[in-house]
Amino acid sequence: MPETSFFLNTVHLEAGDTLFLYTDGVVEARDKRGKEYTIERLMECVKTEAGSAAEYSERIFENVRKFTTGADQHDDITALTVVIP
């Protein structure tokens, strides 16, 4: 993708911080009526502190699954969670 530009940034994470990276398929997941999950819904879901990266990811994926019940998946739903101990 020659026209794509990227920027470099550094973030310092401290004990207790959680880093959650996700593809657009998470916020663009659709319900049966075609309504998208949205970043606002995701932001509400990520507010709760994570016990572990696995718990955090599972909570979000479960929320997306519940929202999309009965609808076909049209894009990848991928995420990476890192919890700093």
C-alpha atoms as a PDB file:
ATOM      1  CA  MET A   1       0.000   0.000   0.000  1.00  0.00           C
ATOM      2  CA  PRO A   2       2.352   2.704  -1.255  1.00  0.00           C
ATOM      3  CA  GLU A   3       0.120   5.693  -0.366  1.00  0.00           C
ATOM      4  CA  THR A   4      -0.288   4.588   3.252  1.00  0.00           C
ATOM      5  CA  SER A   5       1.599   6.575   5.850  1.00  0.00           C
ATOM      6  CA  PHE A   6       2.358   5.578   9.395  1.00  0.00           C
ATOM      7  CA  PHE A   7       3.703   7.458  12.373  1.00  0.00           C
ATOM      8  CA  LEU A   8       5.912   6.305  15.192  1.00  0.00           C
ATOM      9  CA  ASN A   9       5.011   7.000  18.788  1.00  0.00           C
ATOM     10  CA  THR A  10       6.246   5.793  22.169  1.00  0.00           C
ATOM     11  CA  VAL A  11       4.006   5.131  25.141  1.00  0.00           C
ATOM     12  CA  HIS A  12       5.260   4.248  28.607  1.00  0.00           C
ATOM     13  CA  LEU A  13       3.080   1.654  30.324  1.00  0.00           C
ATOM     14  CA  GLU A  14       3.125   1.227  34.069  1.00  0.00           C
ATOM     15  CA  ALA A  15       2.003  -1.473  36.471  1.00  0.00           C
ATOM     16  CA  GLY A  16      -1.761  -1.866  36.273  1.00  0.00           C
ATOM     17  CA  ASP A  17      -2.055  -0.429  32.746  1.00  0.00           C
ATOM     18  CA  THR A  18      -3.886  -2.302  30.006  1.00  0.00           C
ATOM     19  CA  LEU A  19      -3.137  -1.982  26.305  1.00  0.00           C
ATOM     20  CA  PHE A  20      -5.931  -3.123  23.977  1.00  0.00           C
ATOM     21  CA  LEU A  21      -5.323  -3.203  20.218  1.00  0.00           C
ATOM     22  CA  TYR A  22      -8.076  -4.203  17.808  1.00  0.00           C
ATOM     23  CA  THR A  23      -8.994  -4.369  14.130  1.00  0.00           C
ATOM     24  CA  ASP A  24     -11.819  -2.370  12.597  1.00  0.00           C
ATOM     25  CA  GLY A  25     -13.875  -5.566  12.490  1.00  0.00           C
ATOM     26  CA  VAL A  26     -14.531  -5.201  16.223  1.00  0.00           C
ATOM     27  CA  VAL A  27     -16.273  -1.802  16.049  1.00  0.00           C
ATOM     28  CA  GLU A  28     -17.807  -2.563  12.632  1.00  0.00           C
ATOM     29  CA  ALA A  29     -19.344  -5.883  13.723  1.00  0.00           C
ATOM     30  CA  ARG A  30     -23.038  -5.790  12.818  1.00  0.00           C
ATOM     31  CA  ASP A  31     -26.207  -7.042  14.422  1.00  0.00           C
ATOM     32  CA  LYS A  32     -29.099  -8.672  12.500  1.00  0.00           C
ATOM     33  CA  ARG A  33     -30.414  -5.270  11.398  1.00  0.00           C
ATOM     34  CA  GLY A  34     -27.000  -4.143  10.109  1.00  0.00           C
ATOM     35  CA  LYS A  35     -26.325  -1.767  13.012  1.00  0.00           C
ATOM     36  CA  GLU A  36     -22.606  -1.517  13.907  1.00  0.00           C
ATOM     37  CA  TYR A  37     -21.145  -2.289  17.326  1.00  0.00           C
ATOM     38  CA  THR A  38     -19.421   1.164  17.400  1.00  0.00           C
ATOM     39  CA  ILE A  39     -16.434   2.567  19.233  1.00  0.00           C
ATOM     40  CA  GLU A  40     -18.755   4.020  21.887  1.00  0.00           C
ATOM     41  CA  ARG A  41     -20.008   0.539  22.785  1.00  0.00           C
ATOM     42  CA  LEU A  42     -16.419  -0.748  22.877  1.00  0.00           C
ATOM     43  CA  MET A  43     -15.289   2.151  25.094  1.00  0.00           C
ATOM     44  CA  GLU A  44     -18.075   1.351  27.558  1.00  0.00           C
ATOM     45  CA  CYS A  45     -17.009  -2.308  27.621  1.00  0.00           C
ATOM     46  CA  VAL A  46     -13.295  -1.595  28.227  1.00  0.00           C
ATOM     47  CA  LYS A  47     -13.878   0.669  31.242  1.00  0.00           C
ATOM     48  CA  THR A  48     -13.790  -2.219  33.705  1.00  0.00           C
ATOM     49  CA  GLU A  49     -10.341  -3.155  34.987  1.00  0.00           C
ATOM     50  CA  ALA A  50      -8.795  -6.380  33.730  1.00  0.00           C
ATOM     51  CA  GLY A  51      -7.822  -9.253  36.009  1.00  0.00           C
ATOM     52  CA  SER A  52      -5.836 -10.798  33.186  1.00  0.00           C
ATOM     53  CA  ALA A  53      -5.391 -10.223  29.464  1.00  0.00           C
ATOM     54  CA  ALA A  54      -7.447 -13.341  28.730  1.00  0.00           C
ATOM     55  CA  GLU A  55     -10.344 -12.185  30.945  1.00  0.00           C
ATOM     56  CA  TYR A  56     -10.277  -8.717  29.393  1.00  0.00           C
ATOM     57  CA  SER A  57     -10.308 -10.041  25.827  1.00  0.00           C
ATOM     58  CA  GLU A  58     -12.995 -12.616  26.576  1.00  0.00           C
ATOM     59  CA  ARG A  59     -15.246  -9.985  28.161  1.00  0.00           C
ATOM     60  CA  ILE A  60     -14.991  -7.833  25.029  1.00  0.00           C
ATOM     61  CA  PHE A  61     -15.417 -10.736  22.594  1.00  0.00           C
ATOM     62  CA  GLU A  62     -18.444 -11.972  24.572  1.00  0.00           C
ATOM     63  CA  ASN A  63     -19.977  -8.503  24.400  1.00  0.00           C
ATOM     64  CA  VAL A  64     -19.436  -8.387  20.621  1.00  0.00           C
ATOM     65  CA  ARG A  65     -20.859 -11.938  20.230  1.00  0.00           C
ATOM     66  CA  LYS A  66     -23.936 -10.984  22.247  1.00  0.00           C
ATOM     67  CA  PHE A  67     -24.446  -7.879  20.100  1.00  0.00           C
ATOM     68  CA  THR A  68     -24.064  -9.787  16.814  1.00  0.00           C
ATOM     69  CA  THR A  69     -26.156 -12.854  17.733  1.00  0.00           C
ATOM     70  CA  GLY A  70     -27.961 -14.132  14.652  1.00  0.00           C
ATOM     71  CA  ALA A  71     -25.937 -12.059  12.180  1.00  0.00           C
ATOM     72  CA  ASP A  72     -23.289 -13.276   9.754  1.00  0.00           C
ATOM     73  CA  GLN A  73     -19.734 -12.145  10.481  1.00  0.00           C
ATOM     74  CA  HIS A  74     -18.568  -9.926   7.602  1.00  0.00           C
ATOM     75  CA  ASP A  75     -15.047  -9.017   8.741  1.00  0.00           C
ATOM     76  CA  ASP A  76     -12.282 -10.285  11.014  1.00  0.00           C
ATOM     77  CA  ILE A  77     -12.692  -9.621  14.735  1.00  0.00           C
ATOM     78  CA  THR A  78      -9.179  -9.550  16.091  1.00  0.00           C
ATOM     79  CA  ALA A  79      -7.677  -8.048  19.225  1.00  0.00           C
ATOM     80  CA  LEU A  80      -4.564  -8.118  21.373  1.00  0.00           C
ATOM     81  CA  THR A  81      -4.655  -7.352  25.086  1.00  0.00           C
ATOM     82  CA  VAL A  82      -1.603  -6.707  27.251  1.00  0.00           C
ATOM     83  CA  VAL A  83      -1.975  -6.188  30.996  1.00  0.00           C
ATOM     84  CA  ILE A  84       1.105  -4.827  32.765  1.00  0.00           C
ATOM     85  CA  PRO A  85       1.514  -6.618  36.134  1.00  0.00           C
END
